[in-house]
Amino acid sequence: MRQQSTLRRSVRVLAAAGALAVAVGLAGCGGTDAPTAKASGPAVPGLTVVDPWVKTADRGMSAAFGTLRNDSDVELTVVSATSTVSMLELHEVVMDGGKMAMRPKAGGFVVPAHGSHELRPGSDHLMLMELTSPVRAGEQVPFTLTLKDGRTVAFTAPAKPFAGGNETYVPSPAAHG
């Protein structure tokens, strides 16, 4: 019983600290240009998405980036993502036949306790596939991350131009099954 009470108190403290950190972070940026995640569904104490952004694209594919930050005492694993603008996959970039290639990230993105996991061009990212409409500079694109335990985190990311990302896509064998 005492352990549950201590856990509840720790969760409340972490949630309050996270809210304060977001408020201070936004104030320090001088405006509201630094998006962060908002929890939806059951709360995900300590998980935020810092400085998210999406590559602009007229059609086909795009990608989303940012930093997944975990201020909780437990490791969290992002296993999937959704958006209203496309189908999504969690991706990594690897060497394949001497070339950089994208492929689905087996096991998802693991965010260590009190740590972070960066999503960046040329590395792990959220792959937007089969865009339903163009992603234009300045648009706010909605996303929902799903964790291994079923909890979700919703956030929006501004779209901006990016000329990099010339990797090829290596689909998983399961995608052709």
C-alpha atoms as a PDB file:
ATOM      1  CA  MET A   1       0.000   0.000   0.000  1.00  0.00           C
ATOM      2  CA  ARG A   2       2.798   2.395   0.933  1.00  0.00           C
ATOM      3  CA  GLN A   3       4.607   1.568  -2.329  1.00  0.00           C
ATOM      4  CA  GLN A   4       1.480   2.485  -4.379  1.00  0.00           C
ATOM      5  CA  SER A   5       1.157   5.775  -2.514  1.00  0.00           C
ATOM      6  CA  THR A   6       4.821   6.571  -3.165  1.00  0.00           C
ATOM      7  CA  LEU A   7       4.402   5.678  -6.857  1.00  0.00           C
ATOM      8  CA  ARG A   8       1.319   7.920  -7.177  1.00  0.00           C
ATOM      9  CA  ARG A   9       3.187  10.775  -5.490  1.00  0.00           C
ATOM     10  CA  SER A  10       6.174  10.270  -7.840  1.00  0.00           C
ATOM     11  CA  VAL A  11       3.896  10.319 -10.900  1.00  0.00           C
ATOM     12  CA  ARG A  12       2.263  13.572  -9.719  1.00  0.00           C
ATOM     13  CA  VAL A  13       5.670  15.163  -9.078  1.00  0.00           C
ATOM     14  CA  LEU A  14       6.945  14.062 -12.509  1.00  0.00           C
ATOM     15  CA  ALA A  15       3.825  15.379 -14.231  1.00  0.00           C
ATOM     16  CA  ALA A  16       4.114  18.735 -12.470  1.00  0.00           C
ATOM     17  CA  ALA A  17       7.841  18.942 -13.225  1.00  0.00           C
ATOM     18  CA  GLY A  18       7.183  18.098 -16.868  1.00  0.00           C
ATOM     19  CA  ALA A  19       4.515  20.789 -17.165  1.00  0.00           C
ATOM     20  CA  LEU A  20       6.840  23.322 -15.543  1.00  0.00           C
ATOM     21  CA  ALA A  21       9.713  22.308 -17.847  1.00  0.00           C
ATOM     22  CA  VAL A  22       7.503  22.763 -20.919  1.00  0.00           C
ATOM     23  CA  ALA A  23       6.285  26.162 -19.687  1.00  0.00           C
ATOM     24  CA  VAL A  24       9.819  27.339 -18.904  1.00  0.00           C
ATOM     25  CA  GLY A  25      11.097  25.948 -22.205  1.00  0.00           C
ATOM     26  CA  LEU A  26       8.419  27.753 -24.195  1.00  0.00           C
ATOM     27  CA  ALA A  27       8.995  30.987 -22.308  1.00  0.00           C
ATOM     28  CA  GLY A  28      12.737  30.696 -22.905  1.00  0.00           C
ATOM     29  CA  CYS A  29      12.160  30.385 -26.644  1.00  0.00           C
ATOM     30  CA  GLY A  30      10.441  33.760 -26.718  1.00  0.00           C
ATOM     31  CA  GLY A  31       7.232  32.461 -28.271  1.00  0.00           C
ATOM     32  CA  THR A  32       5.167  29.447 -29.182  1.00  0.00           C
ATOM     33  CA  ASP A  33       7.419  28.234 -32.006  1.00  0.00           C
ATOM     34  CA  ALA A  34       8.793  25.295 -29.976  1.00  0.00           C
ATOM     35  CA  PRO A  35       6.110  22.583 -30.116  1.00  0.00           C
ATOM     36  CA  THR A  36       6.026  19.808 -27.562  1.00  0.00           C
ATOM     37  CA  ALA A  37       3.831  16.773 -27.102  1.00  0.00           C
ATOM     38  CA  LYS A  38       0.517  16.725 -25.305  1.00  0.00           C
ATOM     39  CA  ALA A  39      -0.585  13.491 -23.664  1.00  0.00           C
ATOM     40  CA  SER A  40      -3.861  11.960 -24.808  1.00  0.00           C
ATOM     41  CA  GLY A  41      -5.726   8.958 -23.470  1.00  0.00           C
ATOM     42  CA  PRO A  42      -4.114   7.521 -20.349  1.00  0.00           C
ATOM     43  CA  ALA A  43      -1.349   9.872 -19.228  1.00  0.00           C
ATOM     44  CA  VAL A  44       2.219   9.111 -20.224  1.00  0.00           C
ATOM     45  CA  PRO A  45       4.208  10.722 -17.405  1.00  0.00           C
ATOM     46  CA  GLY A  46       7.438  12.229 -18.602  1.00  0.00           C
ATOM     47  CA  LEU A  47       7.253  11.560 -22.382  1.00  0.00           C
ATOM     48  CA  THR A  48       7.512  14.668 -24.540  1.00  0.00           C
ATOM     49  CA  VAL A  49       8.415  15.386 -28.151  1.00  0.00           C
ATOM     50  CA  VAL A  50      10.779  18.340 -28.312  1.00  0.00           C
ATOM     51  CA  ASP A  51      11.311  20.502 -31.415  1.00  0.00           C
ATOM     52  CA  PRO A  52       9.321  18.305 -33.810  1.00  0.00           C
ATOM     53  CA  TRP A  53       9.208  19.149 -37.527  1.00  0.00           C
ATOM     54  CA  VAL A  54       8.081  17.578 -40.806  1.00  0.00           C
ATOM     55  CA  LYS A  55       9.727  17.751 -44.210  1.00  0.00           C
ATOM     56  CA  THR A  56       7.508  19.479 -46.788  1.00  0.00           C
ATOM     57  CA  ALA A  57       6.379  17.345 -49.732  1.00  0.00           C
ATOM     58  CA  ASP A  58       3.878  17.668 -52.578  1.00  0.00           C
ATOM     59  CA  ARG A  59       3.116  13.931 -52.761  1.00  0.00           C
ATOM     60  CA  GLY A  60       4.514  10.485 -52.037  1.00  0.00           C
ATOM     61  CA  MET A  61       6.623  10.380 -48.877  1.00  0.00           C
ATOM     62  CA  SER A  62       7.898  12.707 -46.195  1.00  0.00           C
ATOM     63  CA  ALA A  63       9.430  12.308 -42.733  1.00  0.00           C
ATOM     64  CA  ALA A  64       9.044  13.740 -39.235  1.00  0.00           C
ATOM     65  CA  PHE A  65      11.835  14.453 -36.766  1.00  0.00           C
ATOM     66  CA  GLY A  66      12.379  15.742 -33.219  1.00  0.00           C
ATOM     67  CA  THR A  67      13.600  14.449 -29.881  1.00  0.00           C
ATOM     68  CA  LEU A  68      11.652  11.973 -27.752  1.00  0.00           C
ATOM     69  CA  ARG A  69      12.386  12.877 -24.131  1.00  0.00           C
ATOM     70  CA  ASN A  70      11.575  10.566 -21.234  1.00  0.00           C
ATOM     71  CA  ASP A  71      11.636  12.201 -17.806  1.00  0.00           C
ATOM     72  CA  SER A  72      10.150   9.136 -16.083  1.00  0.00           C
ATOM     73  CA  ASP A  73      11.866   6.405 -14.077  1.00  0.00           C
ATOM     74  CA  VAL A  74      11.057   3.663 -16.611  1.00  0.00           C
ATOM     75  CA  GLU A  75      12.139   2.915 -20.171  1.00  0.00           C
ATOM     76  CA  LEU A  76       9.424   3.703 -22.743  1.00  0.00           C
ATOM     77  CA  THR A  77       9.129   2.180 -26.231  1.00  0.00           C
ATOM     78  CA  VAL A  78       7.283   3.868 -29.097  1.00  0.00           C
ATOM     79  CA  VAL A  79       5.912   1.042 -31.280  1.00  0.00           C
ATOM     80  CA  SER A  80       3.802   2.913 -33.826  1.00  0.00           C
ATOM     81  CA  ALA A  81       2.586   6.311 -34.985  1.00  0.00           C
ATOM     82  CA  THR A  82      -0.402   7.703 -36.850  1.00  0.00           C
ATOM     83  CA  SER A  83      -1.280  10.939 -38.602  1.00  0.00           C
ATOM     84  CA  THR A  84      -4.233  12.275 -40.566  1.00  0.00           C
ATOM     85  CA  VAL A  85      -2.002  13.100 -43.558  1.00  0.00           C
ATOM     86  CA  SER A  86      -0.571   9.651 -44.333  1.00  0.00           C
ATOM     87  CA  MET A  87       0.202   6.096 -43.385  1.00  0.00           C
ATOM     88  CA  LEU A  88       3.186   6.031 -40.974  1.00  0.00           C
ATOM     89  CA  GLU A  89       6.065   3.703 -40.157  1.00  0.00           C
ATOM     90  CA  LEU A  90       8.872   3.970 -37.614  1.00  0.00           C
ATOM     91  CA  HIS A  91      12.085   3.954 -39.669  1.00  0.00           C
ATOM     92  CA  GLU A  92      15.828   3.720 -39.300  1.00  0.00           C
ATOM     93  CA  VAL A  93      18.612   4.434 -41.802  1.00  0.00           C
ATOM     94  CA  VAL A  94      21.247   1.732 -42.315  1.00  0.00           C
ATOM     95  CA  MET A  95      24.005   0.837 -44.773  1.00  0.00           C
ATOM     96  CA  ASP A  96      22.687  -1.616 -47.401  1.00  0.00           C
ATOM     97  CA  GLY A  97      25.017  -2.666 -50.228  1.00  0.00           C
ATOM     98  CA  GLY A  98      27.244   0.349 -49.651  1.00  0.00           C
ATOM     99  CA  LYS A  99      24.329   2.819 -49.755  1.00  0.00           C
ATOM    100  CA  MET A 100      22.266   4.453 -47.058  1.00  0.00           C
ATOM    101  CA  ALA A 101      18.811   2.885 -46.962  1.00  0.00           C
ATOM    102  CA  MET A 102      15.657   3.387 -44.888  1.00  0.00           C
ATOM    103  CA  ARG A 103      13.777   0.440 -43.420  1.00  0.00           C
ATOM    104  CA  PRO A 104      11.160  -0.181 -40.738  1.00  0.00           C
ATOM    105  CA  LYS A 105      12.646  -0.034 -37.219  1.00  0.00           C
ATOM    106  CA  ALA A 106      12.235  -3.453 -35.606  1.00  0.00           C
ATOM    107  CA  GLY A 107      11.173  -3.140 -31.967  1.00  0.00           C
ATOM    108  CA  GLY A 108      10.334   0.561 -32.166  1.00  0.00           C
ATOM    109  CA  PHE A 109      12.111   3.534 -30.627  1.00  0.00           C
ATOM    110  CA  VAL A 110      13.376   2.840 -27.104  1.00  0.00           C
ATOM    111  CA  VAL A 111      13.601   5.926 -24.918  1.00  0.00           C
ATOM    112  CA  PRO A 112      15.626   5.211 -21.762  1.00  0.00           C
ATOM    113  CA  ALA A 113      14.475   6.371 -18.336  1.00  0.00           C
ATOM    114  CA  HIS A 114      15.596   9.978 -17.827  1.00  0.00           C
ATOM    115  CA  GLY A 115      16.967   9.961 -21.366  1.00  0.00           C
ATOM    116  CA  SER A 116      16.114  10.825 -24.930  1.00  0.00           C
ATOM    117  CA  HIS A 117      15.987   9.357 -28.419  1.00  0.00           C
ATOM    118  CA  GLU A 118      16.654  11.649 -31.360  1.00  0.00           C
ATOM    119  CA  LEU A 119      14.686  11.396 -34.606  1.00  0.00           C
ATOM    120  CA  ARG A 120      16.776  13.122 -37.288  1.00  0.00           C
ATOM    121  CA  PRO A 121      17.510  13.039 -41.012  1.00  0.00           C
ATOM    122  CA  GLY A 122      19.832  10.156 -41.881  1.00  0.00           C
ATOM    123  CA  SER A 123      18.840   8.231 -38.748  1.00  0.00           C
ATOM    124  CA  ASP A 124      15.667   7.153 -36.933  1.00  0.00           C
ATOM    125  CA  HIS A 125      12.507   9.028 -38.014  1.00  0.00           C
ATOM    126  CA  LEU A 126       8.761   8.816 -38.565  1.00  0.00           C
ATOM    127  CA  MET A 127       8.187   7.916 -42.236  1.00  0.00           C
ATOM    128  CA  LEU A 128       5.058   9.417 -43.782  1.00  0.00           C
ATOM    129  CA  MET A 129       4.018   7.244 -46.719  1.00  0.00           C
ATOM    130  CA  GLU A 130       1.286   7.716 -49.311  1.00  0.00           C
ATOM    131  CA  LEU A 131       0.510  11.327 -48.399  1.00  0.00           C
ATOM    132  CA  THR A 132      -3.193  12.083 -48.714  1.00  0.00           C
ATOM    133  CA  SER A 133      -2.450  15.768 -49.410  1.00  0.00           C
ATOM    134  CA  PRO A 134       0.614  17.991 -49.829  1.00  0.00           C
ATOM    135  CA  VAL A 135       2.524  18.998 -46.687  1.00  0.00           C
ATOM    136  CA  ARG A 136       3.173  22.733 -47.085  1.00  0.00           C
ATOM    137  CA  ALA A 137       5.692  24.908 -45.235  1.00  0.00           C
ATOM    138  CA  GLY A 138       4.233  26.289 -42.009  1.00  0.00           C
ATOM    139  CA  GLU A 139       1.409  23.736 -41.723  1.00  0.00           C
ATOM    140  CA  GLN A 140       0.918  22.042 -38.353  1.00  0.00           C
ATOM    141  CA  VAL A 141       0.809  18.264 -38.890  1.00  0.00           C
ATOM    142  CA  PRO A 142      -0.866  16.152 -36.161  1.00  0.00           C
ATOM    143  CA  PHE A 143       0.701  12.905 -34.901  1.00  0.00           C
ATOM    144  CA  THR A 144      -0.094  10.279 -32.280  1.00  0.00           C
ATOM    145  CA  LEU A 145       2.608   7.982 -30.914  1.00  0.00           C
ATOM    146  CA  THR A 146       1.599   4.637 -29.397  1.00  0.00           C
ATOM    147  CA  LEU A 147       3.732   3.068 -26.690  1.00  0.00           C
ATOM    148  CA  LYS A 148       4.336  -0.628 -26.102  1.00  0.00           C
ATOM    149  CA  ASP A 149       1.842  -0.583 -23.199  1.00  0.00           C
ATOM    150  CA  GLY A 150      -0.900   0.999 -25.364  1.00  0.00           C
ATOM    151  CA  ARG A 151      -0.711   4.545 -23.999  1.00  0.00           C
ATOM    152  CA  THR A 152      -0.545   7.389 -26.533  1.00  0.00           C
ATOM    153  CA  VAL A 153       1.052  10.816 -26.894  1.00  0.00           C
ATOM    154  CA  ALA A 154      -0.330  13.350 -29.386  1.00  0.00           C
ATOM    155  CA  PHE A 155       1.673  16.252 -30.792  1.00  0.00           C
ATOM    156  CA  THR A 156       1.782  18.578 -33.772  1.00  0.00           C
ATOM    157  CA  ALA A 157       4.837  19.419 -35.843  1.00  0.00           C
ATOM    158  CA  PRO A 158       5.391  22.349 -38.203  1.00  0.00           C
ATOM    159  CA  ALA A 159       6.296  21.551 -41.807  1.00  0.00           C
ATOM    160  CA  LYS A 160       9.440  23.072 -43.267  1.00  0.00           C
ATOM    161  CA  PRO A 161      11.546  22.584 -46.408  1.00  0.00           C
ATOM    162  CA  PHE A 162      14.528  20.220 -46.222  1.00  0.00           C
ATOM    163  CA  ALA A 163      16.748  19.267 -49.163  1.00  0.00           C
ATOM    164  CA  GLY A 164      18.460  16.243 -47.545  1.00  0.00           C
ATOM    165  CA  GLY A 165      17.228  12.703 -47.165  1.00  0.00           C
ATOM    166  CA  ASN A 166      18.328  11.036 -50.381  1.00  0.00           C
ATOM    167  CA  GLU A 167      18.260   7.532 -48.910  1.00  0.00           C
ATOM    168  CA  THR A 168      16.478   4.680 -50.665  1.00  0.00           C
ATOM    169  CA  TYR A 169      13.638   2.741 -49.074  1.00  0.00           C
ATOM    170  CA  VAL A 170      14.059  -0.962 -48.292  1.00  0.00           C
ATOM    171  CA  PRO A 171      10.600  -2.317 -47.402  1.00  0.00           C
ATOM    172  CA  SER A 172      10.323  -5.025 -44.779  1.00  0.00           C
ATOM    173  CA  PRO A 173       9.629  -8.578 -46.050  1.00  0.00           C
ATOM    174  CA  ALA A 174       6.355  -8.518 -44.061  1.00  0.00           C
ATOM    175  CA  ALA A 175       5.142  -5.580 -46.184  1.00  0.00           C
ATOM    176  CA  HIS A 176       5.114  -7.842 -49.248  1.00  0.00           C
ATOM    177  CA  GLY A 177       3.544 -10.866 -47.497  1.00  0.00           C
END
